């Protein structure tokens, strides 16, 4: 369940919020002037989100590389030429 709490109230009960989020895996949305500004979540959930984000990034990179390799092959350019060009640019 997700609770919404103003920043001033959250400040007053922060210790209790941390305990509830940690123990009960409760999610708390912190608001300021009736707008969502932050979320307090269980640390394990945070780590899972970080891992999912890293996996999604790695997948996007792998897909981009596959498209580049396909384009290079379609253009008839040897991969070694591309590799040498990448190394040259990186050395600058």
N, C-alpha and C. Protein backbone atom coordinates (compact mmCIF):
# COMPACT_ATOMS: atom_id res chain seq x y z
N UNK A 1 0.83 -1.18 0.00
CA UNK A 1 0.00 0.00 0.00
C UNK A 1 0.88 1.24 0.00
N UNK A 2 0.43 2.27 -0.65
CA UNK A 2 1.18 3.51 -0.78
C UNK A 2 0.51 4.60 0.04
N UNK A 3 1.27 5.23 0.91
CA UNK A 3 0.77 6.35 1.71
C UNK A 3 1.37 7.64 1.18
N UNK A 4 0.61 8.71 1.28
CA UNK A 4 1.11 10.02 0.90
C UNK A 4 1.19 10.87 2.16
N UNK A 5 2.29 11.60 2.27
CA UNK A 5 2.52 12.38 3.47
C UNK A 5 3.24 13.66 3.08
N UNK A 6 2.83 14.77 3.66
CA UNK A 6 3.51 16.03 3.43
C UNK A 6 4.90 16.00 4.05
N UNK A 7 5.80 16.78 3.49
CA UNK A 7 7.19 16.78 3.95
C UNK A 7 7.32 17.17 5.42
N UNK A 8 6.52 18.11 5.89
CA UNK A 8 6.60 18.52 7.30
C UNK A 8 6.17 17.38 8.22
N UNK A 9 5.08 16.71 7.89
CA UNK A 9 4.63 15.57 8.69
C UNK A 9 5.66 14.45 8.63
N UNK A 10 6.20 14.19 7.45
CA UNK A 10 7.21 13.13 7.29
C UNK A 10 8.43 13.44 8.16
N UNK A 11 8.81 14.68 8.22
CA UNK A 11 9.95 15.09 9.04
C UNK A 11 9.69 14.77 10.51
N UNK A 12 8.48 15.02 10.97
CA UNK A 12 8.14 14.78 12.38
C UNK A 12 8.14 13.30 12.74
N UNK A 13 7.79 12.44 11.79
CA UNK A 13 7.66 11.00 12.09
C UNK A 13 8.64 10.15 11.28
N UNK A 14 9.78 10.72 10.90
CA UNK A 14 10.72 10.02 10.02
C UNK A 14 11.16 8.67 10.59
N UNK A 15 11.50 8.63 11.86
CA UNK A 15 11.92 7.36 12.45
C UNK A 15 10.87 6.28 12.32
N UNK A 16 9.62 6.65 12.62
CA UNK A 16 8.52 5.70 12.49
C UNK A 16 8.33 5.28 11.03
N UNK A 17 8.44 6.22 10.10
CA UNK A 17 8.30 5.90 8.68
C UNK A 17 9.37 4.91 8.23
N UNK A 18 10.60 5.14 8.64
CA UNK A 18 11.69 4.24 8.26
C UNK A 18 11.43 2.85 8.80
N UNK A 19 10.96 2.76 10.01
CA UNK A 19 10.65 1.44 10.60
C UNK A 19 9.54 0.75 9.81
N UNK A 20 8.48 1.48 9.50
CA UNK A 20 7.36 0.87 8.75
C UNK A 20 7.79 0.44 7.36
N UNK A 21 8.55 1.28 6.70
CA UNK A 21 9.01 0.95 5.35
C UNK A 21 9.92 -0.27 5.39
N UNK A 22 10.79 -0.31 6.37
CA UNK A 22 11.72 -1.43 6.50
C UNK A 22 11.01 -2.72 6.87
N UNK A 23 10.17 -2.68 7.89
CA UNK A 23 9.50 -3.89 8.39
C UNK A 23 8.38 -4.37 7.49
N UNK A 24 7.52 -3.45 7.12
CA UNK A 24 6.28 -3.82 6.42
C UNK A 24 6.33 -3.60 4.91
N UNK A 25 7.51 -3.16 4.44
CA UNK A 25 7.68 -2.89 3.00
C UNK A 25 6.65 -1.90 2.48
N UNK A 26 6.26 -0.99 3.34
CA UNK A 26 5.32 0.06 2.96
C UNK A 26 6.04 1.09 2.10
N UNK A 27 5.34 1.68 1.17
CA UNK A 27 5.89 2.75 0.34
C UNK A 27 5.23 4.06 0.77
N UNK A 28 6.05 5.09 0.93
CA UNK A 28 5.53 6.39 1.35
C UNK A 28 5.93 7.43 0.32
N UNK A 29 4.95 8.13 -0.22
CA UNK A 29 5.20 9.22 -1.16
C UNK A 29 5.23 10.51 -0.36
N UNK A 30 6.31 11.25 -0.49
CA UNK A 30 6.47 12.52 0.22
C UNK A 30 6.06 13.65 -0.72
N UNK A 31 5.16 14.49 -0.22
CA UNK A 31 4.66 15.59 -1.05
C UNK A 31 5.09 16.94 -0.47
N UNK A 32 5.12 17.91 -1.33
CA UNK A 32 5.33 19.30 -0.93
C UNK A 32 4.40 20.14 -1.79
N UNK A 33 3.58 20.92 -1.13
CA UNK A 33 2.58 21.75 -1.81
C UNK A 33 1.70 20.91 -2.73
N UNK A 34 1.28 19.77 -2.19
CA UNK A 34 0.36 18.85 -2.87
C UNK A 34 0.94 18.22 -4.14
N UNK A 35 2.25 18.23 -4.27
CA UNK A 35 2.90 17.59 -5.43
C UNK A 35 3.88 16.53 -4.94
N UNK A 36 3.89 15.38 -5.61
CA UNK A 36 4.79 14.29 -5.25
C UNK A 36 6.23 14.72 -5.51
N UNK A 37 7.08 14.57 -4.50
CA UNK A 37 8.47 15.00 -4.62
C UNK A 37 9.48 13.88 -4.39
N UNK A 38 9.13 12.89 -3.57
CA UNK A 38 10.07 11.82 -3.26
C UNK A 38 9.29 10.58 -2.82
N UNK A 39 10.00 9.46 -2.80
CA UNK A 39 9.39 8.21 -2.35
C UNK A 39 10.34 7.53 -1.37
N UNK A 40 9.80 7.07 -0.28
CA UNK A 40 10.55 6.31 0.71
C UNK A 40 10.16 4.85 0.52
N UNK A 41 11.16 4.01 0.16
CA UNK A 41 10.90 2.59 -0.08
C UNK A 41 11.90 1.75 0.70
N UNK A 42 11.56 0.48 0.87
CA UNK A 42 12.42 -0.50 1.52
C UNK A 42 13.72 -0.62 0.73
N UNK A 43 14.85 -0.77 1.44
CA UNK A 43 16.15 -0.82 0.78
C UNK A 43 16.26 -1.98 -0.21
N UNK A 44 15.73 -3.14 0.14
CA UNK A 44 15.79 -4.28 -0.78
C UNK A 44 15.03 -3.97 -2.08
N UNK A 45 13.91 -3.28 -1.96
CA UNK A 45 13.15 -2.89 -3.15
C UNK A 45 13.96 -1.91 -4.00
N UNK A 46 14.65 -0.99 -3.34
CA UNK A 46 15.51 -0.04 -4.04
C UNK A 46 16.60 -0.78 -4.81
N UNK A 47 17.26 -1.75 -4.16
CA UNK A 47 18.31 -2.53 -4.83
C UNK A 47 17.75 -3.27 -6.04
N UNK A 48 16.56 -3.84 -5.90
CA UNK A 48 15.93 -4.54 -7.03
C UNK A 48 15.68 -3.58 -8.18
N UNK A 49 15.20 -2.39 -7.86
CA UNK A 49 14.97 -1.39 -8.91
C UNK A 49 16.27 -0.99 -9.59
N UNK A 50 17.34 -0.86 -8.81
CA UNK A 50 18.64 -0.52 -9.39
C UNK A 50 19.11 -1.63 -10.33
N UNK A 51 18.95 -2.87 -9.91
CA UNK A 51 19.34 -4.00 -10.74
C UNK A 51 18.52 -4.05 -12.03
N UNK A 52 17.22 -3.82 -11.92
CA UNK A 52 16.36 -3.81 -13.11
C UNK A 52 16.77 -2.69 -14.06
N UNK A 53 17.10 -1.54 -13.52
CA UNK A 53 17.53 -0.42 -14.36
C UNK A 53 18.84 -0.75 -15.06
N UNK A 54 19.77 -1.38 -14.35
CA UNK A 54 21.05 -1.76 -14.95
C UNK A 54 20.84 -2.80 -16.05
N UNK A 55 19.96 -3.76 -15.80
CA UNK A 55 19.67 -4.78 -16.81
C UNK A 55 19.03 -4.16 -18.05
N UNK A 56 18.12 -3.22 -17.83
CA UNK A 56 17.46 -2.56 -18.96
C UNK A 56 18.47 -1.76 -19.78
N UNK A 57 19.40 -1.09 -19.10
CA UNK A 57 20.44 -0.33 -19.80
C UNK A 57 21.33 -1.27 -20.60
N UNK A 58 21.75 -2.36 -19.99
CA UNK A 58 22.60 -3.33 -20.69
C UNK A 58 21.89 -3.89 -21.91
N UNK A 59 20.60 -4.15 -21.79
CA UNK A 59 19.83 -4.68 -22.91
C UNK A 59 19.77 -3.66 -24.05
N UNK A 60 19.53 -2.38 -23.71
CA UNK A 60 19.48 -1.34 -24.74
C UNK A 60 20.82 -1.20 -25.44
N UNK A 61 21.91 -1.28 -24.69
CA UNK A 61 23.25 -1.18 -25.28
C UNK A 61 23.50 -2.36 -26.21
N UNK A 62 23.15 -3.56 -25.76
CA UNK A 62 23.34 -4.76 -26.59
C UNK A 62 22.53 -4.67 -27.88
N UNK A 63 21.29 -4.18 -27.77
CA UNK A 63 20.46 -4.03 -28.97
C UNK A 63 21.04 -2.99 -29.91
N UNK A 64 21.55 -1.90 -29.38
CA UNK A 64 22.16 -0.86 -30.22
C UNK A 64 23.40 -1.40 -30.91
N UNK A 65 24.22 -2.15 -30.19
CA UNK A 65 25.41 -2.74 -30.80
C UNK A 65 25.04 -3.72 -31.90
N UNK A 66 23.99 -4.49 -31.69
CA UNK A 66 23.55 -5.44 -32.72
C UNK A 66 23.10 -4.69 -33.97
N UNK A 67 22.38 -3.57 -33.79
CA UNK A 67 21.96 -2.77 -34.95
C UNK A 67 23.16 -2.18 -35.67
N UNK A 68 24.15 -1.72 -34.91
CA UNK A 68 25.36 -1.16 -35.52
C UNK A 68 26.10 -2.23 -36.30
N UNK A 69 26.26 -3.40 -35.68
CA UNK A 69 26.96 -4.50 -36.37
C UNK A 69 26.23 -4.90 -37.65
N UNK A 70 24.90 -4.93 -37.58
CA UNK A 70 24.13 -5.29 -38.77
C UNK A 70 24.32 -4.23 -39.86
N UNK A 71 24.31 -2.96 -39.48
CA UNK A 71 24.52 -1.89 -40.45
C UNK A 71 25.90 -1.93 -41.06
N UNK A 72 26.89 -2.22 -40.23
CA UNK A 72 28.27 -2.33 -40.71
C UNK A 72 28.38 -3.49 -41.69
N UNK A 73 27.80 -4.63 -41.35
CA UNK A 73 27.84 -5.80 -42.23
C UNK A 73 27.11 -5.52 -43.53
N UNK A 74 25.96 -4.86 -43.43
CA UNK A 74 25.19 -4.54 -44.63
C UNK A 74 25.96 -3.59 -45.55
N UNK A 75 26.73 -2.70 -44.96
CA UNK A 75 27.52 -1.75 -45.76
C UNK A 75 28.80 -2.39 -46.29
N UNK A 76 29.09 -3.60 -45.84
CA UNK A 76 30.27 -4.29 -46.31
C UNK A 76 31.57 -3.80 -45.69
N UNK A 77 31.49 -3.18 -44.54
CA UNK A 77 32.68 -2.68 -43.86
C UNK A 77 33.17 -3.76 -42.88
N UNK A 78 34.44 -4.11 -42.95
CA UNK A 78 34.96 -5.11 -42.01
C UNK A 78 34.89 -4.59 -40.56
N UNK A 79 34.52 -5.47 -39.65
CA UNK A 79 34.42 -5.06 -38.24
C UNK A 79 35.76 -4.57 -37.70
N UNK A 80 36.85 -5.11 -38.22
CA UNK A 80 38.17 -4.68 -37.74
C UNK A 80 38.40 -3.19 -38.01
N UNK A 81 37.88 -2.69 -39.12
CA UNK A 81 38.01 -1.27 -39.45
C UNK A 81 37.24 -0.43 -38.43
N UNK A 82 36.05 -0.88 -38.08
CA UNK A 82 35.24 -0.18 -37.09
C UNK A 82 35.94 -0.20 -35.74
N UNK A 83 36.47 -1.35 -35.35
CA UNK A 83 37.18 -1.47 -34.08
C UNK A 83 38.37 -0.54 -34.01
N UNK A 84 39.12 -0.46 -35.09
CA UNK A 84 40.29 0.44 -35.13
C UNK A 84 39.84 1.89 -35.02
N UNK A 85 38.75 2.25 -35.68
CA UNK A 85 38.25 3.62 -35.62
C UNK A 85 37.80 3.97 -34.20
N UNK A 86 37.15 3.03 -33.54
CA UNK A 86 36.70 3.26 -32.15
C UNK A 86 37.91 3.49 -31.25
N UNK A 87 38.93 2.64 -31.38
CA UNK A 87 40.14 2.79 -30.57
C UNK A 87 40.82 4.13 -30.81
N UNK A 88 40.84 4.56 -32.06
CA UNK A 88 41.47 5.84 -32.40
C UNK A 88 40.72 7.01 -31.74
N UNK A 89 39.39 6.96 -31.80
CA UNK A 89 38.60 8.03 -31.20
C UNK A 89 38.77 8.04 -29.69
N UNK A 90 38.80 6.87 -29.07
CA UNK A 90 38.97 6.78 -27.61
C UNK A 90 40.32 7.30 -27.16
N UNK A 91 41.33 7.18 -27.99
CA UNK A 91 42.68 7.61 -27.60
C UNK A 91 42.86 9.12 -27.64
N UNK A 92 41.91 9.83 -28.21
CA UNK A 92 42.04 11.29 -28.32
C UNK A 92 41.72 11.99 -27.03
